[in-house]
Each structure stands twice: as structure tokens, then as C-alpha cells.
Amino acid sequence: MKNEPGELKPSLDRRAFVRSAAWGSGVVGLGALAGYALKRTGSGTQTEKPKLGAEFSYDVSRFQTSDPALKRYDELLRYRVGIESARCIAVAEDGVLYVGGDEGIQVVDGEGCELAVIRLARPVQSLAVMGSDRLLVGQKGRILVLGLDGRELESWDDFPEDMLPTSIDVSELAVHVADAANRVVRKLNEAGEGIGVIDGRSGVVEGVGFKVPSPYFCVKTGADGLLRVTNPGAHRVEAYLPDGRLELAWGRASFAIEGFCGCCNPVDFDIFPDGSYVTCEKGLPRVKLYDAHGVFTGVVAGPEDFPEYLAVVNAGAHKAAGAGIQAVIDPAGRILILDAIAQKLRVMVRKESGNE
């Protein structure tokens, strides 16, 4: 039976679920390439070893718009962030937003009004609010602990020098840090001491290990206590038990709206209280919704909603177009999207049911 958007998949036992997810993410990548339309841009002659040359280009224009009927959110507010090279965001329980970049951290309220700027000497890679009074700041080789007023409280430095903390998650059980440089998730206690490492290779079936071709690697703990981790090179989201064993996974490589495209997606996600997801993709910028089982349910923002981003992609500046998109869910249930190309933040609200 085919699953319609929003319909739950028939239940699978855990081993079967992970096997199907691993198989899908491993082989669908070849099929995904068929989604590209090959366009000849000039006259070329065949050589002894035919290969795709400069006279050919990939035409992905048909994937650069999404079906309006799939849109589940409207844009309430959009503003340009006031920090250089903004790349990460975190939201506190009171709705205050922290935006991190090369210069430090901008603090804004729920309407986009600047409250403060915290200047730092080193670029900020990731952010997380810890409790009611601390901010964890991921920087290369360390985690800086600040008070919410910007005062430095301590620095956690017991990491490899090349540690690149692209995501930090704080839960009742532990602090988890996604280290994109070393392709592992580091488990810490409240004092910043290492208490474990997850490498993505053990579980109910053998894991494939984390494939992180670019510096985008995200971790979040769900209400069920399972740690969700992106495995971007495998085009899936994986869930781990507290002891680091892989429990389940979902996702597949595809240019179709239901899948994840490119070399390495999704690059970021957040989890709603009911266990459903909002995910982000780079390259072909898409912010989408999935239910708790990984079934696609709709679109928050499609490529057409990121004109500056698409202009970079269509100009052929692929390296710049690798810049990521991040999304967080604020306490009011709004989705806040940071576009690293346009350096803008969008506040998205759920459509009224009658308008979907």
C-alpha cells in the first residue's frame, strides 16, 4: 500500500526498519542522479574516453520550485541578521534568539529587534542554550561557556585541536557535540568532561559510520530520549540509544521533494514535541516536514523562497552555494530559518488548516 503524505507507515520491527533505511540510502543515490536533466550547451566531439565535458551542464531548474499545495507555513517576518557571516542559531525558553557568526553572537527578540551583541575573537560554529543561565558556544577545538549576558564563565578545551563543533545538543542525560572534522558525536557531562563517543558503527544492525563530506553535522535529542544525528553523506537521519547503539534510521537520496539531494543532506533539523521533524538542505535550498516515522508531510520553504541562494547556485558558484540553512523551532511553535547566503532570518508560522 502506498503511503500518502501525512499517513503513517505500517509498523516495522526495529531490525527491518533499519535494514530498509540503510538499503534505501545506499542504493537510491544512483537513481537520484537520473533526476538530473542532461543539457548540451555546445558542440563537442567524442574522444577515445568519453566523459562529461565543459560542453555539458546539469539542468536542475525543474527542481527549483515546489508545489504550492505542499506548503504548510507562511512567512510572518523576515530580517537581515546583524552579525558577520552568520551560520548558526539557538533559541532560549523565553523566545530570545542567539545568532552566531565570525564576529560573535547577536541577541534578538522574537520580533527581530536586537537586544545585544557579544563580540568574540574566534568564529562561532554552533550554539546551544544550557539551562536558564548559560550559553554553549562551539568554536574550533573548544566549547566556550558564557552567561546569557555574554560573560565568559569557562572553556571546555579537552578536545583535538581540529575538533569542529557544528552542532551542540543539551538534554537531561548529557551534552552532545557533533564534531564534523572527526566524524563523531562527543558525549559530555555538565562539566564538559568526555564520557563517550558515538561513531555511528554499532547498533541493532551494523551502522555505516558517519559520512560528513562537508562541515554540516547535526544532533538533537527527542522527547523519547533517543539522540537523532544527521548522516548527510548517507542522506538520512539516525537515532541512537543513550549507550551509543544505532536504533533506527530513515531517509533516502533523491531530487524528488520527499528525499534529500546532493552530496550530503540534510544539513540541519529540529524536532517538534510530537517527534516530527523540520529538515534543511543546502545546494538546492529546501526546508521540509516529516512525521515521527520519517514520512514526508509538507514544505516549509522551497527553493523559490531563497532567491539570493538560487542566484548563487545558478551562477555556478557551487562552493559558495554549499553554505547551509539552519532551522529551529521556537517556544511558540514557529520555525526560524537562517539563510547563510542571504544572511537573513525568516520567521515562519503554520498555515490555518482551511488555507492548506
Protein backbone atom coordinates (compact mmCIF):
# COMPACT_ATOMS: atom_id res chain seq x y z
CA MET A 1 0.00 0.00 0.00
CA LYS A 2 1.40 3.38 -0.99
CA ASN A 3 1.76 5.90 1.81
CA GLU A 4 0.24 9.31 1.17
CA PRO A 5 1.82 12.44 2.72
CA GLY A 6 0.96 12.53 6.38
CA GLU A 7 0.00 8.84 6.54
CA LEU A 8 1.93 6.64 8.94
CA LYS A 9 3.92 3.77 7.52
CA PRO A 10 2.94 0.27 8.60
CA SER A 11 4.91 -0.64 11.70
CA LEU A 12 8.19 -2.49 11.22
CA ASP A 13 10.30 -4.27 13.74
CA ARG A 14 13.45 -2.32 14.52
CA ARG A 15 15.85 -4.55 12.59
CA ALA A 16 13.70 -4.48 9.45
CA PHE A 17 13.26 -0.72 9.68
CA VAL A 18 17.00 -0.03 9.88
CA ARG A 19 17.78 -2.54 7.12
CA SER A 20 15.30 -0.87 4.79
CA ALA A 21 16.61 2.61 5.60
CA ALA A 22 20.24 1.56 5.15
CA TRP A 23 19.47 -0.15 1.83
CA GLY A 24 17.46 2.79 0.56
CA SER A 25 20.10 5.37 1.41
CA GLY A 26 22.83 3.20 -0.06
CA VAL A 27 21.35 2.49 -3.49
CA VAL A 28 18.89 5.25 -4.26
CA GLY A 29 21.74 7.69 -4.86
CA LEU A 30 22.23 6.22 -8.33
CA GLY A 31 18.57 6.64 -9.10
CA ALA A 32 18.67 10.19 -7.81
CA LEU A 33 21.19 11.11 -10.49
CA ALA A 34 18.59 10.16 -13.06
CA GLY A 35 16.60 13.14 -11.83
CA TYR A 36 19.12 15.48 -13.42
CA ALA A 37 18.24 16.58 -16.95
CA LEU A 38 21.39 16.50 -19.06
CA LYS A 39 21.65 19.63 -21.18
CA ARG A 40 24.13 20.10 -24.01
CA THR A 41 25.45 23.65 -24.06
CA GLY A 42 27.76 23.48 -27.05
CA SER A 43 29.11 21.27 -29.80
CA GLY A 44 31.64 18.73 -28.70
CA THR A 45 33.39 15.76 -30.26
CA GLN A 46 33.75 12.38 -28.68
CA THR A 47 37.23 11.37 -27.58
CA GLU A 48 38.63 7.89 -27.01
CA LYS A 49 37.46 8.04 -23.40
CA PRO A 50 34.08 9.80 -23.48
CA LYS A 51 33.32 11.83 -20.39
CA LEU A 52 31.10 14.69 -19.31
CA GLY A 53 32.92 17.80 -20.51
CA ALA A 54 32.57 21.56 -20.35
CA GLU A 55 30.00 21.45 -23.17
CA PHE A 56 27.53 19.77 -20.84
CA SER A 57 25.88 21.04 -17.67
CA TYR A 58 23.33 19.68 -15.25
CA ASP A 59 19.93 21.31 -15.53
CA VAL A 60 18.16 21.22 -12.17
CA SER A 61 15.77 24.08 -12.94
CA ARG A 62 12.70 21.87 -12.71
CA PHE A 63 13.56 21.15 -9.08
CA GLN A 64 13.89 24.83 -8.17
CA THR A 65 10.19 25.30 -7.50
CA SER A 66 7.94 23.37 -5.16
CA ASP A 67 4.24 22.61 -5.40
CA PRO A 68 2.29 25.38 -3.60
CA ALA A 69 -0.17 22.72 -2.41
CA LEU A 70 2.60 21.23 -0.28
CA LYS A 71 3.29 24.47 1.60
CA ARG A 72 2.33 24.20 5.27
CA TYR A 73 3.79 27.51 6.54
CA ASP A 74 3.57 31.22 5.75
CA GLU A 75 6.30 33.79 6.26
CA LEU A 76 5.42 36.15 9.12
CA LEU A 77 8.64 38.14 9.30
CA ARG A 78 11.99 38.45 7.53
CA TYR A 79 15.02 40.48 8.56
CA ARG A 80 18.74 40.70 7.87
CA VAL A 81 20.92 39.49 10.72
CA GLY A 82 23.44 41.94 12.18
CA ILE A 83 26.45 39.67 12.65
CA GLU A 84 29.13 38.97 10.03
CA SER A 85 28.95 35.56 8.28
CA ALA A 86 26.08 34.29 10.44
CA ARG A 87 25.95 30.48 10.33
CA CYS A 88 24.15 29.16 13.44
CA ILE A 89 21.17 29.89 15.66
CA ALA A 90 19.76 28.80 19.02
CA VAL A 91 16.60 29.82 20.83
CA ALA A 92 16.01 30.08 24.59
CA GLU A 93 12.86 29.10 26.51
CA ASP A 94 11.79 32.76 26.63
CA GLY A 95 11.98 33.05 22.84
CA VAL A 96 15.21 35.06 22.73
CA LEU A 97 17.27 34.10 19.69
CA TYR A 98 21.07 33.83 19.52
CA VAL A 99 22.72 34.14 16.09
CA GLY A 100 26.39 33.15 15.79
CA GLY A 101 28.96 34.10 13.16
CA ASP A 102 32.50 35.26 12.56
CA GLU A 103 32.26 38.33 14.81
CA GLY A 104 30.48 36.73 17.72
CA ILE A 105 26.82 36.47 18.71
CA GLN A 106 23.83 38.71 18.04
CA VAL A 107 20.97 38.51 20.55
CA VAL A 108 17.48 39.37 19.21
CA ASP A 109 13.93 39.13 20.50
CA GLY A 110 11.07 37.26 18.85
CA GLU A 111 10.31 40.21 16.57
CA GLY A 112 13.85 40.57 15.27
CA CYS A 113 14.86 43.56 17.41
CA GLU A 114 18.48 43.49 18.51
CA LEU A 115 19.00 43.20 22.26
CA ALA A 116 22.78 42.87 22.41
CA VAL A 117 25.92 41.82 20.53
CA ILE A 118 28.55 39.61 22.17
CA ARG A 119 31.93 40.12 20.46
CA LEU A 120 34.27 37.13 20.33
CA ALA A 121 37.78 36.78 18.93
CA ARG A 122 37.12 33.45 17.22
CA PRO A 123 34.30 32.47 14.80
CA VAL A 124 31.25 30.76 16.25
CA GLN A 125 30.41 27.38 14.68
CA SER A 126 27.42 26.35 16.82
CA LEU A 127 25.27 27.45 19.74
CA ALA A 128 23.08 25.87 22.42
CA VAL A 129 21.27 27.26 25.45
CA MET A 130 22.02 25.30 28.63
CA GLY A 131 19.52 25.66 31.45
CA SER A 132 18.29 29.16 32.20
CA ASP A 133 21.62 30.92 32.50
CA ARG A 134 24.30 29.52 30.19
CA LEU A 135 25.15 29.59 26.52
CA LEU A 136 27.40 26.95 24.96
CA VAL A 137 29.43 28.34 22.06
CA GLY A 138 31.10 25.90 19.70
CA GLN A 139 34.44 27.12 18.33
CA LYS A 140 37.19 25.17 16.61
CA GLY A 141 38.87 22.98 19.23
CA ARG A 142 36.73 24.09 22.18
CA ILE A 143 33.34 24.84 23.72
CA LEU A 144 33.08 28.26 25.35
CA VAL A 145 30.61 28.63 28.23
CA LEU A 146 29.06 32.09 28.55
CA GLY A 147 26.47 33.62 30.82
CA LEU A 148 23.44 34.87 28.92
CA ASP A 149 24.83 38.36 29.48
CA GLY A 150 27.94 37.44 27.49
CA ARG A 151 30.35 36.94 30.41
CA GLU A 152 32.82 34.10 29.89
CA LEU A 153 32.36 31.51 32.64
CA GLU A 154 34.68 28.73 31.48
CA SER A 155 36.15 26.99 28.46
CA TRP A 156 35.99 23.28 27.70
CA ASP A 157 39.24 22.53 25.89
CA ASP A 158 39.84 18.81 26.25
CA PHE A 159 39.31 18.09 22.55
CA PRO A 160 41.51 17.52 19.49
CA GLU A 161 42.75 20.81 18.04
CA ASP A 162 40.85 20.18 14.79
CA MET A 163 37.54 19.46 16.53
CA LEU A 164 34.82 21.29 14.56
CA PRO A 165 31.63 21.52 16.66
CA THR A 166 28.94 22.11 14.03
CA SER A 167 26.07 21.28 16.42
CA ILE A 168 25.54 21.12 20.19
CA ASP A 169 22.59 19.49 21.95
CA VAL A 170 21.79 19.77 25.64
CA SER A 171 19.49 17.22 27.29
CA GLU A 172 18.88 15.90 30.79
CA LEU A 173 21.21 13.00 30.04
CA ALA A 174 24.24 14.71 28.51
CA VAL A 175 25.68 17.38 26.25
CA HIS A 176 26.31 16.04 22.75
CA VAL A 177 28.67 17.73 20.32
CA ALA A 178 28.74 16.86 16.61
CA ASP A 179 32.40 17.01 15.56
CA ALA A 180 32.32 17.28 11.75
CA ALA A 181 36.11 17.20 11.40
CA ASN A 182 36.46 13.82 13.10
CA ARG A 183 33.02 12.47 12.10
CA VAL A 184 31.95 11.54 15.63
CA VAL A 185 29.46 12.71 18.23
CA ARG A 186 31.14 13.53 21.55
CA LYS A 187 29.17 12.90 24.74
CA LEU A 188 29.98 15.22 27.67
CA ASN A 189 28.76 15.71 31.22
CA GLU A 190 27.66 19.10 32.63
CA ALA A 191 31.28 19.96 33.42
CA GLY A 192 32.35 19.41 29.82
CA GLU A 193 34.18 16.15 30.57
CA GLY A 194 34.11 13.49 27.87
CA ILE A 195 32.02 10.45 28.84
CA GLY A 196 31.67 8.72 25.48
CA VAL A 197 31.94 8.89 21.69
CA ILE A 198 29.41 7.76 19.06
CA ASP A 199 30.92 6.83 15.71
CA GLY A 200 27.77 5.53 14.01
CA ARG A 201 29.07 1.99 13.53
CA SER A 202 27.20 -0.09 16.11
CA GLY A 203 23.56 -0.92 16.67
CA VAL A 204 20.77 -3.38 16.03
CA VAL A 205 22.40 -3.81 12.63
CA GLU A 206 25.89 -2.71 11.71
CA GLY A 207 25.97 1.05 11.17
CA VAL A 208 27.67 2.61 8.18
CA GLY A 209 29.58 5.22 10.16
CA PHE A 210 29.05 8.95 9.79
CA LYS A 211 29.72 10.26 6.28
CA VAL A 212 30.38 14.00 6.57
CA PRO A 213 31.82 15.34 3.27
CA SER A 214 31.21 18.99 4.24
CA PRO A 215 31.07 20.78 7.60
CA TYR A 216 27.39 20.10 8.33
CA PHE A 217 26.59 17.57 11.05
CA CYS A 218 23.64 17.97 13.45
CA VAL A 219 22.50 16.37 16.72
CA LYS A 220 19.22 16.73 18.65
CA THR A 221 17.60 14.71 21.46
CA GLY A 222 13.92 13.82 21.07
CA ALA A 223 11.31 13.61 23.82
CA ASP A 224 11.73 9.82 23.75
CA GLY A 225 15.37 10.16 24.86
CA LEU A 226 16.83 8.96 21.55
CA LEU A 227 19.62 11.07 20.09
CA ARG A 228 18.96 11.97 16.46
CA VAL A 229 22.01 12.55 14.26
CA THR A 230 22.24 13.53 10.60
CA ASN A 231 24.33 11.23 8.44
CA PRO A 232 24.48 13.65 5.50
CA GLY A 233 26.63 11.56 3.17
CA ALA A 234 24.15 8.69 3.60
CA HIS A 235 21.16 11.07 3.14
CA ARG A 236 19.43 10.04 6.32
CA VAL A 237 18.64 10.80 9.95
CA GLU A 238 19.67 8.20 12.51
CA ALA A 239 18.50 7.63 16.10
CA TYR A 240 20.81 6.35 18.85
CA LEU A 241 20.22 4.87 22.29
CA PRO A 242 21.94 6.54 25.27
CA ASP A 243 24.69 3.91 25.11
CA GLY A 244 25.51 4.90 21.52
CA ARG A 245 23.88 2.00 19.68
CA LEU A 246 22.03 2.74 16.43
CA GLU A 247 18.30 2.12 16.99
CA LEU A 248 16.70 3.21 13.71
CA ALA A 249 17.21 5.40 10.64
CA TRP A 250 15.23 6.98 7.82
CA GLY A 251 15.85 8.95 4.65
CA ARG A 252 16.91 8.38 1.05
CA ALA A 253 18.81 10.16 -1.71
CA SER A 254 16.54 11.76 -4.28
CA PHE A 255 15.92 15.07 -6.03
CA ALA A 256 12.21 14.44 -5.52
CA ILE A 257 10.72 16.54 -2.75
CA GLU A 258 10.38 13.53 -0.44
CA GLY A 259 14.12 12.79 -0.47
CA PHE A 260 17.45 14.51 0.20
CA CYS A 261 19.54 15.60 -2.78
CA GLY A 262 23.16 16.50 -3.46
CA CYS A 263 26.33 15.07 -1.97
CA CYS A 264 25.32 15.48 1.66
CA ASN A 265 21.92 16.32 3.09
CA PRO A 266 20.09 17.02 5.32
CA VAL A 267 22.45 19.55 6.89
CA ASP A 268 20.24 20.52 9.82
CA PHE A 269 16.99 19.63 11.57
CA ASP A 270 14.90 20.21 14.66
CA ILE A 271 12.28 18.08 16.40
CA PHE A 272 8.74 19.07 17.39
CA PRO A 273 7.35 17.89 20.75
CA ASP A 274 5.32 15.18 18.95
CA GLY A 275 8.51 13.72 17.44
CA SER A 276 8.03 15.10 13.92
CA TYR A 277 10.85 16.91 12.13
CA VAL A 278 11.74 20.03 10.21
CA THR A 279 14.80 19.45 7.97
CA CYS A 280 17.10 21.71 5.94
CA GLU A 281 19.04 21.08 2.73
CA LYS A 282 21.87 23.03 1.12
CA GLY A 283 22.70 23.30 -2.59
CA LEU A 284 19.05 23.05 -3.57
CA PRO A 285 17.67 25.00 -0.60
CA ARG A 286 14.64 23.25 0.90
CA VAL A 287 13.08 23.26 4.37
CA LYS A 288 10.66 20.35 4.79
CA LEU A 289 8.48 18.46 7.25
CA TYR A 290 8.50 14.77 8.15
CA ASP A 291 6.44 12.87 10.69
CA ALA A 292 7.96 10.94 13.60
CA HIS A 293 8.50 7.91 11.31
CA GLY A 294 10.33 9.89 8.61
CA VAL A 295 7.36 10.16 6.22
CA PHE A 296 7.34 13.40 4.23
CA THR A 297 4.34 15.62 5.13
CA GLY A 298 4.96 19.01 3.54
CA VAL A 299 7.15 22.02 2.80
CA VAL A 300 8.03 24.97 5.00
CA ALA A 301 10.05 26.83 2.34
CA GLY A 302 11.06 25.70 -1.13
CA PRO A 303 13.92 26.80 -3.41
CA GLU A 304 11.73 29.58 -4.82
CA ASP A 305 11.71 31.17 -1.36
CA PHE A 306 15.51 31.62 -1.42
CA PRO A 307 16.15 33.84 -4.49
CA GLU A 308 19.59 35.05 -3.37
CA TYR A 309 20.63 31.47 -2.73
CA LEU A 310 19.39 30.28 -6.12
CA ALA A 311 21.17 33.16 -7.86
CA VAL A 312 24.46 31.88 -6.44
CA VAL A 313 23.67 28.29 -7.46
CA ASN A 314 22.63 29.30 -10.99
CA ALA A 315 25.76 31.44 -11.39
CA GLY A 316 27.82 28.30 -10.90
CA ALA A 317 29.39 29.36 -7.62
CA HIS A 318 28.90 25.89 -6.19
CA LYS A 319 31.38 26.29 -3.35
CA ALA A 320 29.56 29.35 -2.04
CA ALA A 321 26.25 27.60 -2.59
CA GLY A 322 27.39 24.95 -0.13
CA ALA A 323 26.57 27.40 2.63
CA GLY A 324 23.97 25.91 4.88
CA ILE A 325 20.48 26.66 6.05
CA GLN A 326 19.55 26.17 9.70
CA ALA A 327 16.14 25.98 11.34
CA VAL A 328 14.97 25.94 14.94
CA ILE A 329 11.52 25.68 16.49
CA ASP A 330 10.82 28.42 19.00
CA PRO A 331 8.62 28.06 22.12
CA ALA A 332 5.60 29.40 20.20
CA GLY A 333 5.95 26.65 17.59
CA ARG A 334 7.23 28.99 14.89
CA ILE A 335 10.06 27.84 12.62
CA LEU A 336 13.02 30.23 12.44
CA ILE A 337 15.16 29.79 9.32
CA LEU A 338 18.68 31.20 8.90
CA ASP A 339 19.80 31.55 5.26
CA ALA A 340 23.61 31.74 5.30
CA ILE A 341 23.80 33.03 1.70
CA ALA A 342 21.37 35.94 2.04
CA GLN A 343 22.28 36.46 5.71
CA LYS A 344 18.59 36.70 6.52
CA LEU A 345 16.34 35.13 9.09
CA ARG A 346 12.77 34.12 8.30
CA VAL A 347 10.03 33.58 10.88
CA MET A 348 7.52 31.02 9.62
CA VAL A 349 4.07 30.29 11.07
CA ARG A 350 1.77 27.36 10.45
CA LYS A 351 -0.97 27.96 7.88
CA GLU A 352 -4.50 27.83 9.12
CA SER A 353 -5.96 24.42 8.27
CA GLY A 354 -8.52 25.93 5.93
CA ASN A 355 -5.77 27.50 3.82
CA GLU A 356 -3.64 24.40 3.30
